[in-house]
Amino acid sequence: FYGRSGVEGTPDNLIVRGGGRRSVQKGQTLRAV
């Protein structure tokens, strides 16, 4: 999952690996720990 956090100091593309076939859509907001 590639995305933008909008937080200063974070990359334009934050990259997170998740499980395959997870129901995630473009435009959805996720939280990563």
Full PDB file with SEQRES, HELIX, SHEET, SSBOND, CRYST1, ORIGX, SCALE, CONECT and MASTER records, all heavy atoms in Angstrom:
SEQRES   1 A   33  PHE TYR GLY ARG SER GLY VAL GLU GLY THR PRO ASP ASN          
SEQRES   2 A   33  LEU ILE VAL ARG GLY GLY GLY ARG ARG SER VAL GLN LYS          
SEQRES   3 A   33  GLY GLN THR LEU ARG ALA VAL                                  
SHEET    1 AA1 2 TYR A   2  GLY A   3  0                                        
SHEET    2 AA1 2 LEU A  14  ILE A  15 -1                                        
CRYST1    1.000    1.000    1.000  90.00  90.00  90.00 P 1           1          
ORIGX1      1.000000  0.000000  0.000000        0.00000                         
ORIGX2      0.000000  1.000000  0.000000        0.00000                         
ORIGX3      0.000000  0.000000  1.000000        0.00000                         
SCALE1      1.000000  0.000000  0.000000        0.00000                         
SCALE2      0.000000  1.000000  0.000000        0.00000                         
SCALE3      0.000000  0.000000  1.000000        0.00000                         
ATOM      1  N   PHE A   1       0.858  -1.185   0.000  1.00  0.00           N  
ATOM      2  CA  PHE A   1       0.000   0.000   0.000  1.00  0.00           C  
ATOM      3  C   PHE A   1       0.893   1.233   0.000  1.00  0.00           C  
ATOM      4  O   PHE A   1       1.725   1.414   0.890  1.00  0.00           O  
ATOM      5  CB  PHE A   1      -0.902   0.008   1.235  1.00  0.00           C  
ATOM      6  CG  PHE A   1      -1.648  -1.286   1.447  1.00  0.00           C  
ATOM      7  CD1 PHE A   1      -1.633  -1.925   2.682  1.00  0.00           C  
ATOM      8  CD2 PHE A   1      -2.357  -1.875   0.412  1.00  0.00           C  
ATOM      9  CE1 PHE A   1      -2.312  -3.105   2.876  1.00  0.00           C  
ATOM     10  CE2 PHE A   1      -3.044  -3.070   0.593  1.00  0.00           C  
ATOM     11  CZ  PHE A   1      -3.017  -3.688   1.830  1.00  0.00           C  
ATOM     12  N   TYR A   2       0.715   2.067  -1.022  1.00  0.00           N  
ATOM     13  CA  TYR A   2       1.454   3.321  -1.124  1.00  0.00           C  
ATOM     14  C   TYR A   2       0.489   4.451  -0.757  1.00  0.00           C  
ATOM     15  O   TYR A   2      -0.672   4.450  -1.190  1.00  0.00           O  
ATOM     16  CB  TYR A   2       1.964   3.547  -2.544  1.00  0.00           C  
ATOM     17  CG  TYR A   2       2.987   2.538  -3.013  1.00  0.00           C  
ATOM     18  CD1 TYR A   2       2.615   1.234  -3.347  1.00  0.00           C  
ATOM     19  CD2 TYR A   2       4.326   2.883  -3.138  1.00  0.00           C  
ATOM     20  CE1 TYR A   2       3.560   0.309  -3.787  1.00  0.00           C  
ATOM     21  CE2 TYR A   2       5.283   1.963  -3.573  1.00  0.00           C  
ATOM     22  CZ  TYR A   2       4.874   0.678  -3.898  1.00  0.00           C  
ATOM     23  OH  TYR A   2       5.792  -0.232  -4.323  1.00  0.00           O  
ATOM     24  N   GLY A   3       0.997   5.406   0.010  1.00  0.00           N  
ATOM     25  CA  GLY A   3       0.089   6.482   0.396  1.00  0.00           C  
ATOM     26  C   GLY A   3       0.804   7.711   0.916  1.00  0.00           C  
ATOM     27  O   GLY A   3       2.020   7.730   1.086  1.00  0.00           O  
ATOM     28  N   ARG A   4       0.012   8.752   1.180  1.00  0.00           N  
ATOM     29  CA  ARG A   4       0.512  10.016   1.718  1.00  0.00           C  
ATOM     30  C   ARG A   4      -0.033  10.204   3.120  1.00  0.00           C  
ATOM     31  O   ARG A   4      -1.231  10.028   3.357  1.00  0.00           O  
ATOM     32  CB  ARG A   4       0.073  11.184   0.842  1.00  0.00           C  
ATOM     33  CG  ARG A   4       0.705  11.234  -0.536  1.00  0.00           C  
ATOM     34  CD  ARG A   4       0.308  12.522  -1.246  1.00  0.00           C  
ATOM     35  NE  ARG A   4      -1.146  12.522  -1.500  1.00  0.00           N  
ATOM     36  CZ  ARG A   4      -1.693  12.178  -2.654  1.00  0.00           C  
ATOM     37  NH1 ARG A   4      -0.923  11.796  -3.653  1.00  0.00           N  
ATOM     38  NH2 ARG A   4      -3.006  12.216  -2.806  1.00  0.00           N  
ATOM     39  N   SER A   5       0.876  10.588   4.033  1.00  0.00           N  
ATOM     40  CA  SER A   5       0.404  10.844   5.392  1.00  0.00           C  
ATOM     41  C   SER A   5       0.054  12.315   5.589  1.00  0.00           C  
ATOM     42  O   SER A   5      -0.711  12.659   6.487  1.00  0.00           O  
ATOM     43  CB  SER A   5       1.468  10.437   6.419  1.00  0.00           C  
ATOM     44  OG  SER A   5       2.541  11.342   6.383  1.00  0.00           O  
ATOM     45  N   GLY A   6       0.668  13.179   4.757  1.00  0.00           N  
ATOM     46  CA  GLY A   6       0.420  14.607   4.915  1.00  0.00           C  
ATOM     47  C   GLY A   6       1.128  15.213   6.109  1.00  0.00           C  
ATOM     48  O   GLY A   6       0.917  16.387   6.435  1.00  0.00           O  
ATOM     49  N   VAL A   7       1.977  14.438   6.777  1.00  0.00           N  
ATOM     50  CA  VAL A   7       2.701  14.918   7.948  1.00  0.00           C  
ATOM     51  C   VAL A   7       4.096  15.354   7.516  1.00  0.00           C  
ATOM     52  O   VAL A   7       4.777  14.650   6.773  1.00  0.00           O  
ATOM     53  CB  VAL A   7       2.800  13.822   9.034  1.00  0.00           C  
ATOM     54  CG1 VAL A   7       3.634  14.302  10.210  1.00  0.00           C  
ATOM     55  CG2 VAL A   7       1.409  13.407   9.485  1.00  0.00           C  
ATOM     56  N   GLU A   8       4.528  16.522   7.980  1.00  0.00           N  
ATOM     57  CA  GLU A   8       5.849  17.026   7.645  1.00  0.00           C  
ATOM     58  C   GLU A   8       6.926  16.024   8.098  1.00  0.00           C  
ATOM     59  O   GLU A   8       6.863  15.487   9.192  1.00  0.00           O  
ATOM     60  CB  GLU A   8       6.089  18.374   8.328  1.00  0.00           C  
ATOM     61  CG  GLU A   8       7.393  19.030   7.942  1.00  0.00           C  
ATOM     62  CD  GLU A   8       7.588  20.389   8.589  1.00  0.00           C  
ATOM     63  OE1 GLU A   8       6.652  20.859   9.264  1.00  0.00           O  
ATOM     64  OE2 GLU A   8       8.681  20.967   8.419  1.00  0.00           O  
ATOM     65  N   GLY A   9       7.904  15.800   7.214  1.00  0.00           N  
ATOM     66  CA  GLY A   9       8.985  14.877   7.537  1.00  0.00           C  
ATOM     67  C   GLY A   9       8.762  13.473   7.027  1.00  0.00           C  
ATOM     68  O   GLY A   9       9.659  12.632   7.116  1.00  0.00           O  
ATOM     69  N   THR A  10       7.579  13.181   6.495  1.00  0.00           N  
ATOM     70  CA  THR A  10       7.304  11.850   5.946  1.00  0.00           C  
ATOM     71  C   THR A  10       7.478  11.881   4.428  1.00  0.00           C  
ATOM     72  O   THR A  10       7.334  12.927   3.798  1.00  0.00           O  
ATOM     73  CB  THR A  10       5.870  11.384   6.284  1.00  0.00           C  
ATOM     74  OG1 THR A  10       4.931  12.322   5.731  1.00  0.00           O  
ATOM     75  CG2 THR A  10       5.676  11.292   7.784  1.00  0.00           C  
ATOM     76  N   PRO A  11       7.819  10.738   3.815  1.00  0.00           N  
ATOM     77  CA  PRO A  11       8.030  10.715   2.358  1.00  0.00           C  
ATOM     78  C   PRO A  11       6.720  10.914   1.603  1.00  0.00           C  
ATOM     79  O   PRO A  11       5.624  10.702   2.140  1.00  0.00           O  
ATOM     80  CB  PRO A  11       8.609   9.318   2.119  1.00  0.00           C  
ATOM     81  CG  PRO A  11       8.141   8.497   3.273  1.00  0.00           C  
ATOM     82  CD  PRO A  11       8.058   9.427   4.444  1.00  0.00           C  
ATOM     83  N   ASP A  12       6.855  11.308   0.322  1.00  0.00           N  
ATOM     84  CA  ASP A  12       5.667  11.482  -0.518  1.00  0.00           C  
ATOM     85  C   ASP A  12       4.923  10.169  -0.683  1.00  0.00           C  
ATOM     86  O   ASP A  12       3.697  10.153  -0.801  1.00  0.00           O  
ATOM     87  CB  ASP A  12       6.071  12.023  -1.900  1.00  0.00           C  
ATOM     88  CG  ASP A  12       6.586  13.443  -1.824  1.00  0.00           C  
ATOM     89  OD1 ASP A  12       6.235  14.153  -0.865  1.00  0.00           O  
ATOM     90  OD2 ASP A  12       7.365  13.837  -2.714  1.00  0.00           O  
ATOM     91  N   ASN A  13       5.686   9.080  -0.710  1.00  0.00           N  
ATOM     92  CA  ASN A  13       5.086   7.752  -0.812  1.00  0.00           C  
ATOM     93  C   ASN A  13       5.485   6.932   0.401  1.00  0.00           C  
ATOM     94  O   ASN A  13       6.612   6.452   0.495  1.00  0.00           O  
ATOM     95  CB  ASN A  13       5.572   7.025  -2.083  1.00  0.00           C  
ATOM     96  CG  ASN A  13       4.531   7.060  -3.185  1.00  0.00           C  
ATOM     97  OD1 ASN A  13       3.335   7.143  -2.911  1.00  0.00           O  
ATOM     98  ND2 ASN A  13       4.984   6.996  -4.419  1.00  0.00           N  
ATOM     99  N   LEU A  14       4.575   6.799   1.338  1.00  0.00           N  
ATOM    100  CA  LEU A  14       4.784   5.881   2.452  1.00  0.00           C  
ATOM    101  C   LEU A  14       4.411   4.488   1.953  1.00  0.00           C  
ATOM    102  O   LEU A  14       3.369   4.307   1.317  1.00  0.00           O  
ATOM    103  CB  LEU A  14       3.899   6.280   3.630  1.00  0.00           C  
ATOM    104  CG  LEU A  14       4.175   5.575   4.957  1.00  0.00           C  
ATOM    105  CD1 LEU A  14       5.446   6.122   5.583  1.00  0.00           C  
ATOM    106  CD2 LEU A  14       3.004   5.756   5.922  1.00  0.00           C  
ATOM    107  N   ILE A  15       5.259   3.484   2.219  1.00  0.00           N  
ATOM    108  CA  ILE A  15       5.036   2.147   1.686  1.00  0.00           C  
ATOM    109  C   ILE A  15       4.851   1.172   2.840  1.00  0.00           C  
ATOM    110  O   ILE A  15       5.702   1.069   3.722  1.00  0.00           O  
ATOM    111  CB  ILE A  15       6.213   1.680   0.808  1.00  0.00           C  
ATOM    112  CG1 ILE A  15       6.571   2.753  -0.219  1.00  0.00           C  
ATOM    113  CG2 ILE A  15       5.879   0.366   0.107  1.00  0.00           C  
ATOM    114  CD1 ILE A  15       7.857   2.473  -0.974  1.00  0.00           C  
ATOM    115  N   VAL A  16       3.733   0.455   2.817  1.00  0.00           N  
ATOM    116  CA  VAL A  16       3.398  -0.498   3.878  1.00  0.00           C  
ATOM    117  C   VAL A  16       3.030  -1.823   3.222  1.00  0.00           C  
ATOM    118  O   VAL A  16       2.230  -1.853   2.280  1.00  0.00           O  
ATOM    119  CB  VAL A  16       2.212   0.014   4.732  1.00  0.00           C  
ATOM    120  CG1 VAL A  16       1.821  -1.013   5.792  1.00  0.00           C  
ATOM    121  CG2 VAL A  16       2.552   1.347   5.371  1.00  0.00           C  
ATOM    122  N   ARG A  17       3.615  -2.920   3.724  1.00  0.00           N  
ATOM    123  CA  ARG A  17       3.234  -4.231   3.208  1.00  0.00           C  
ATOM    124  C   ARG A  17       2.121  -4.805   4.060  1.00  0.00           C  
ATOM    125  O   ARG A  17       2.188  -4.771   5.291  1.00  0.00           O  
ATOM    126  CB  ARG A  17       4.431  -5.190   3.216  1.00  0.00           C  
ATOM    127  CG  ARG A  17       4.126  -6.499   2.479  1.00  0.00           C  
ATOM    128  CD  ARG A  17       5.309  -7.430   2.455  1.00  0.00           C  
ATOM    129  NE  ARG A  17       5.460  -8.126   3.737  1.00  0.00           N  
ATOM    130  CZ  ARG A  17       6.415  -9.025   3.979  1.00  0.00           C  
ATOM    131  NH1 ARG A  17       7.305  -9.297   3.042  1.00  0.00           N  
ATOM    132  NH2 ARG A  17       6.500  -9.611   5.150  1.00  0.00           N  
ATOM    133  N   GLY A  18       1.106  -5.335   3.411  1.00  0.00           N  
ATOM    134  CA  GLY A  18      -0.010  -5.960   4.117  1.00  0.00           C  
ATOM    135  C   GLY A  18      -0.299  -7.325   3.538  1.00  0.00           C  
ATOM    136  O   GLY A  18       0.352  -7.782   2.592  1.00  0.00           O  
ATOM    137  N   GLY A  19      -1.246  -8.011   4.091  1.00  0.00           N  
ATOM    138  CA  GLY A  19      -1.628  -9.324   3.590  1.00  0.00           C  
ATOM    139  C   GLY A  19      -2.298  -9.234   2.240  1.00  0.00           C  
ATOM    140  O   GLY A  19      -2.985  -8.262   1.926  1.00  0.00           O  
ATOM    141  N   GLY A  20      -2.071 -10.264   1.405  1.00  0.00           N  
ATOM    142  CA  GLY A  20      -2.710 -10.296   0.107  1.00  0.00           C  
ATOM    143  C   GLY A  20      -4.220 -10.418   0.229  1.00  0.00           C  
ATOM    144  O   GLY A  20      -4.749 -10.944   1.202  1.00  0.00           O  
ATOM    145  N   ARG A  21      -4.909  -9.871  -0.779  1.00  0.00           N  
ATOM    146  CA  ARG A  21      -6.369  -9.913  -0.862  1.00  0.00           C  
ATOM    147  C   ARG A  21      -7.062  -9.183   0.279  1.00  0.00           C  
ATOM    148  O   ARG A  21      -8.212  -9.426   0.598  1.00  0.00           O  
ATOM    149  CB  ARG A  21      -6.857 -11.370  -0.925  1.00  0.00           C  
ATOM    150  CG  ARG A  21      -6.355 -12.115  -2.163  1.00  0.00           C  
ATOM    151  CD  ARG A  21      -6.788 -13.569  -2.173  1.00  0.00           C  
ATOM    152  NE  ARG A  21      -6.405 -14.210  -3.404  1.00  0.00           N  
ATOM    153  CZ  ARG A  21      -5.185 -14.687  -3.659  1.00  0.00           C  
ATOM    154  NH1 ARG A  21      -4.250 -14.591  -2.734  1.00  0.00           N  
ATOM    155  NH2 ARG A  21      -4.905 -15.260  -4.808  1.00  0.00           N  
ATOM    156  N   ARG A  22      -6.331  -8.291   0.938  1.00  0.00           N  
ATOM    157  CA  ARG A  22      -6.954  -7.450   1.956  1.00  0.00           C  
ATOM    158  C   ARG A  22      -7.812  -6.412   1.241  1.00  0.00           C  
ATOM    159  O   ARG A  22      -7.401  -5.837   0.227  1.00  0.00           O  
ATOM    160  CB  ARG A  22      -5.868  -6.765   2.794  1.00  0.00           C  
ATOM    161  CG  ARG A  22      -6.419  -6.000   3.996  1.00  0.00           C  
ATOM    162  CD  ARG A  22      -5.282  -5.281   4.717  1.00  0.00           C  
ATOM    163  NE  ARG A  22      -5.784  -4.563   5.868  1.00  0.00           N  
ATOM    164  CZ  ARG A  22      -5.513  -4.880   7.116  1.00  0.00           C  
ATOM    165  NH1 ARG A  22      -4.756  -5.921   7.383  1.00  0.00           N  
ATOM    166  NH2 ARG A  22      -6.012  -4.176   8.108  1.00  0.00           N  
ATOM    167  N   SER A  23      -8.961  -6.158   1.762  1.00  0.00           N  
ATOM    168  CA  SER A  23      -9.897  -5.240   1.101  1.00  0.00           C  
ATOM    169  C   SER A  23      -9.505  -3.793   1.398  1.00  0.00           C  
ATOM    170  O   SER A  23      -9.955  -3.184   2.364  1.00  0.00           O  
ATOM    171  CB  SER A  23     -11.330  -5.504   1.589  1.00  0.00           C  
ATOM    172  OG  SER A  23     -12.229  -4.641   0.934  1.00  0.00           O  
ATOM    173  N   VAL A  24      -8.615  -3.262   0.552  1.00  0.00           N  
ATOM    174  CA  VAL A  24      -8.154  -1.881   0.689  1.00  0.00           C  
ATOM    175  C   VAL A  24      -8.353  -1.181  -0.652  1.00  0.00           C  
ATOM    176  O   VAL A  24      -7.979  -1.713  -1.699  1.00  0.00           O  
ATOM    177  CB  VAL A  24      -6.673  -1.814   1.115  1.00  0.00           C  
ATOM    178  CG1 VAL A  24      -6.178  -0.382   1.096  1.00  0.00           C  
ATOM    179  CG2 VAL A  24      -6.481  -2.428   2.498  1.00  0.00           C  
ATOM    180  N   GLN A  25      -8.924  -0.008  -0.614  1.00  0.00           N  
ATOM    181  CA  GLN A  25      -9.207   0.741  -1.830  1.00  0.00           C  
ATOM    182  C   GLN A  25      -8.394   2.034  -1.862  1.00  0.00           C  
ATOM    183  O   GLN A  25      -8.032   2.580  -0.820  1.00  0.00           O  
ATOM    184  CB  GLN A  25     -10.702   1.090  -1.900  1.00  0.00           C  
ATOM    185  CG  GLN A  25     -11.624  -0.100  -1.793  1.00  0.00           C  
ATOM    186  CD  GLN A  25     -11.448  -1.080  -2.928  1.00  0.00           C  
ATOM    187  OE1 GLN A  25     -11.206  -0.672  -4.066  1.00  0.00           O  
ATOM    188  NE2 GLN A  25     -11.546  -2.371  -2.643  1.00  0.00           N  
ATOM    189  N   LYS A  26      -8.124   2.512  -3.082  1.00  0.00           N  
ATOM    190  CA  LYS A  26      -7.484   3.822  -3.218  1.00  0.00           C  
ATOM    191  C   LYS A  26      -8.377   4.893  -2.590  1.00  0.00           C  
ATOM    192  O   LYS A  26      -9.594   4.862  -2.753  1.00  0.00           O  
ATOM    193  CB  LYS A  26      -7.240   4.135  -4.695  1.00  0.00           C  
ATOM    194  CG  LYS A  26      -6.111   3.327  -5.302  1.00  0.00           C  
ATOM    195  CD  LYS A  26      -5.790   3.762  -6.714  1.00  0.00           C  
ATOM    196  CE  LYS A  26      -6.857   3.318  -7.691  1.00  0.00           C  
ATOM    197  NZ  LYS A  26      -6.484   3.635  -9.083  1.00  0.00           N  
ATOM    198  N   GLY A  27      -7.750   5.809  -1.886  1.00  0.00           N  
ATOM    199  CA  GLY A  27      -8.490   6.864  -1.214  1.00  0.00           C  
ATOM    200  C   GLY A  27      -8.845   6.538   0.232  1.00  0.00           C  
ATOM    201  O   GLY A  27      -9.224   7.419   0.996  1.00  0.00           O  
ATOM    202  N   GLN A  28      -8.688   5.263   0.596  1.00  0.00           N  
ATOM    203  CA  GLN A  28      -8.973   4.847   1.973  1.00  0.00           C  
ATOM    204  C   GLN A  28      -7.836   5.289   2.896  1.00  0.00           C  
ATOM    205  O   GLN A  28      -6.677   5.325   2.499  1.00  0.00           O  
ATOM    206  CB  GLN A  28      -9.124   3.326   2.016  1.00  0.00           C  
ATOM    207  CG  GLN A  28      -9.538   2.756   3.355  1.00  0.00           C  
ATOM    208  CD  GLN A  28      -9.759   1.247   3.274  1.00  0.00           C  
ATOM    209  OE1 GLN A  28      -9.893   0.682   2.183  1.00  0.00           O  
ATOM    210  NE2 GLN A  28      -9.807   0.590   4.423  1.00  0.00           N  
ATOM    211  N   THR A  29      -8.185   5.650   4.128  1.00  0.00           N  
ATOM    212  CA  THR A  29      -7.172   6.031   5.113  1.00  0.00           C  
ATOM    213  C   THR A  29      -6.905   4.863   6.057  1.00  0.00           C  
ATOM    214  O   THR A  29      -7.834   4.315   6.652  1.00  0.00           O  
ATOM    215  CB  THR A  29      -7.617   7.264   5.922  1.00  0.00           C  
ATOM    216  OG1 THR A  29      -7.757   8.385   5.038  1.00  0.00           O  
ATOM    217  CG2 THR A  29      -6.587   7.616   6.994  1.00  0.00           C  
ATOM    218  N   LEU A  30      -5.622   4.478   6.133  1.00  0.00           N  
ATOM    219  CA  LEU A  30      -5.187   3.415   7.034  1.00  0.00           C  
ATOM    220  C   LEU A  30      -4.253   4.000   8.088  1.00  0.00           C  
ATOM    221  O   LEU A  30      -3.743   5.111   7.940  1.00  0.00           O  
ATOM    222  CB  LEU A  30      -4.444   2.320   6.264  1.00  0.00           C  
ATOM    223  CG  LEU A  30      -5.200   1.619   5.127  1.00  0.00           C  
ATOM    224  CD1 LEU A  30      -4.269   0.634   4.429  1.00  0.00           C  
ATOM    225  CD2 LEU A  30      -6.435   0.909   5.654  1.00  0.00           C  
ATOM    226  N   ARG A  31      -4.031   3.225   9.159  1.00  0.00           N  
ATOM    227  CA  ARG A  31      -3.050   3.617  10.168  1.00  0.00           C  
ATOM    228  C   ARG A  31      -2.011   2.509  10.291  1.00  0.00           C  
ATOM    229  O   ARG A  31      -2.362   1.333  10.330  1.00  0.00           O  
ATOM    230  CB  ARG A  31      -3.727   3.882  11.518  1.00  0.00           C  
ATOM    231  CG  ARG A  31      -4.431   5.241  11.568  1.00  0.00           C  
ATOM    232  CD  ARG A  31      -5.011   5.531  12.937  1.00  0.00           C  
ATOM    233  NE  ARG A  31      -5.537   6.884  13.008  1.00  0.00           N  
ATOM    234  CZ  ARG A  31      -4.858   7.930  13.467  1.00  0.00           C  
ATOM    235  NH1 ARG A  31      -3.604   7.767  13.903  1.00  0.00           N  
ATOM    236  NH2 ARG A  31      -5.404   9.129  13.502  1.00  0.00           N  
ATOM    237  N   ALA A  32      -0.740   2.915  10.342  1.00  0.00           N  
ATOM    238  CA  ALA A  32       0.366   1.956  10.385  1.00  0.00           C  
ATOM    239  C   ALA A  32       1.144   2.119  11.687  1.00  0.00           C  
ATOM    240  O   ALA A  32       1.454   3.238  12.100  1.00  0.00           O  
ATOM    241  CB  ALA A  32       1.289   2.174   9.192  1.00  0.00           C  
ATOM    242  N   VAL A  33       1.470   0.990  12.309  1.00  0.00           N  
ATOM    243  CA  VAL A  33       2.251   0.969  13.550  1.00  0.00           C  
ATOM    244  C   VAL A  33       3.565   0.237  13.274  1.00  0.00           C  
ATOM    245  O   VAL A  33       3.568  -0.853  12.691  1.00  0.00           O  
ATOM    246  CB  VAL A  33       1.477   0.263  14.682  1.00  0.00           C  
ATOM    247  CG1 VAL A  33       2.338   0.146  15.939  1.00  0.00           C  
ATOM    248  CG2 VAL A  33       0.185   1.003  14.988  1.00  0.00           C  
TER     249      VAL A  33                                                      
MASTER        0    0    0    0    2    0    0    6  248    1    0    3          
END                                                                             
